[in-house]
C-alpha atoms as a PDB file:
ATOM      1  CA  MET A   1     -19.435   6.600  14.669  1.00  0.00           C
ATOM      2  CA  ARG A   2     -22.487   4.833  13.234  1.00  0.00           C
ATOM      3  CA  HIS A   3     -25.986   5.725  14.389  1.00  0.00           C
ATOM      4  CA  SER A   4     -29.180   3.782  14.027  1.00  0.00           C
ATOM      5  CA  VAL A   5     -31.906   5.424  11.947  1.00  0.00           C
ATOM      6  CA  GLU A   6     -33.922   6.181  15.082  1.00  0.00           C
ATOM      7  CA  SER A   7     -31.054   7.967  16.831  1.00  0.00           C
ATOM      8  CA  LEU A   8     -29.524   9.866  13.906  1.00  0.00           C
ATOM      9  CA  PRO A   9     -29.532  13.591  14.768  1.00  0.00           C
ATOM     10  CA  ASN A  10     -31.276  15.859  12.237  1.00  0.00           C
ATOM     11  CA  GLU A  11     -28.068  17.785  11.505  1.00  0.00           C
ATOM     12  CA  GLU A  12     -26.440  14.542  10.293  1.00  0.00           C
ATOM     13  CA  ARG A  13     -29.297  13.545   7.990  1.00  0.00           C
ATOM     14  CA  GLN A  14     -29.171  14.043   4.237  1.00  0.00           C
ATOM     15  CA  ARG A  15     -32.231  14.580   2.048  1.00  0.00           C
ATOM     16  CA  CYS A  16     -32.890  11.735  -0.374  1.00  0.00           C
ATOM     17  CA  GLU A  17     -33.684  12.829  -3.937  1.00  0.00           C
ATOM     18  CA  VAL A  18     -36.281  10.628  -5.642  1.00  0.00           C
ATOM     19  CA  TRP A  19     -36.095  10.330  -9.431  1.00  0.00           C
ATOM     20  CA  THR A  20     -38.646   8.783 -11.745  1.00  0.00           C
ATOM     21  CA  ARG A  21     -38.966   8.146 -15.448  1.00  0.00           C
ATOM     22  CA  VAL A  22     -41.381  10.508 -17.163  1.00  0.00           C
ATOM     23  CA  MET A  23     -42.042  10.600 -20.894  1.00  0.00           C
ATOM     24  CA  GLY A  24     -38.856   8.695 -21.736  1.00  0.00           C
ATOM     25  CA  TYR A  25     -36.364  10.492 -19.499  1.00  0.00           C
ATOM     26  CA  HIS A  26     -35.467  10.558 -15.796  1.00  0.00           C
ATOM     27  CA  ARG A  27     -36.277  13.585 -13.678  1.00  0.00           C
ATOM     28  CA  PRO A  28     -36.269  14.374  -9.933  1.00  0.00           C
ATOM     29  CA  VAL A  29     -39.745  14.353  -8.409  1.00  0.00           C
ATOM     30  CA  SER A  30     -38.910  17.577  -6.525  1.00  0.00           C
ATOM     31  CA  GLN A  31     -38.927  19.428  -9.877  1.00  0.00           C
ATOM     32  CA  PHE A  32     -42.473  18.291 -10.749  1.00  0.00           C
ATOM     33  CA  ASN A  33     -45.317  20.770 -10.487  1.00  0.00           C
ATOM     34  CA  ARG A  34     -47.851  20.208  -7.672  1.00  0.00           C
ATOM     35  CA  GLY A  35     -50.239  18.259  -9.883  1.00  0.00           C
ATOM     36  CA  LYS A  36     -47.582  15.846 -11.109  1.00  0.00           C
ATOM     37  CA  GLN A  37     -46.213  15.397  -7.555  1.00  0.00           C
ATOM     38  CA  SER A  38     -49.728  14.514  -6.382  1.00  0.00           C
ATOM     39  CA  GLU A  39     -50.084  12.034  -9.237  1.00  0.00           C
ATOM     40  CA  HIS A  40     -46.712  10.494  -8.347  1.00  0.00           C
ATOM     41  CA  CYS A  41     -47.870   9.939  -4.734  1.00  0.00           C
ATOM     42  CA  GLU A  42     -50.971   8.086  -5.981  1.00  0.00           C
ATOM     43  CA  ARG A  43     -49.059   5.682  -8.258  1.00  0.00           C
ATOM     44  CA  ARG A  44     -49.238   1.982  -7.497  1.00  0.00           C
ATOM     45  CA  HIS A  45     -46.189  -0.206  -7.966  1.00  0.00           C
ATOM     46  CA  PHE A  46     -46.529  -3.822  -9.010  1.00  0.00           C
ATOM     47  CA  SER A  47     -44.470  -6.772 -10.155  1.00  0.00           C
ATOM     48  CA  GLU A  48     -45.420  -9.171 -12.914  1.00  0.00           C
ATOM     49  CA  GLN A  49     -44.502 -12.804 -12.864  1.00  0.00           C
ATOM     50  CA  ALA A  50     -42.765 -14.194 -15.913  1.00  0.00           C
ATOM     51  CA  ALA A  51     -45.063 -15.978 -18.359  1.00  0.00           C
ATOM     52  CA  THR A  52     -44.674 -19.732 -18.355  1.00  0.00           C
ATOM     53  CA  PRO A  53     -44.975 -21.628 -21.638  1.00  0.00           C
END
C-alpha cells in the first residue's frame, strides 16, 4: 500500500542520511561536530552556467 508523504505514519518513515564531501572524502553530516553541522546548514548552493566562447 502506497501512502502520500502527508499521510505516511511515523512508524513507516525512514531517516534520510545526508552525506557531503569534506576535505576530499565523503562523510555523513550526522557525524560532524556541532560547529561543522552549523556551518553545513549555512552553506549556499549554486549552479554555474557553462562558459560560451
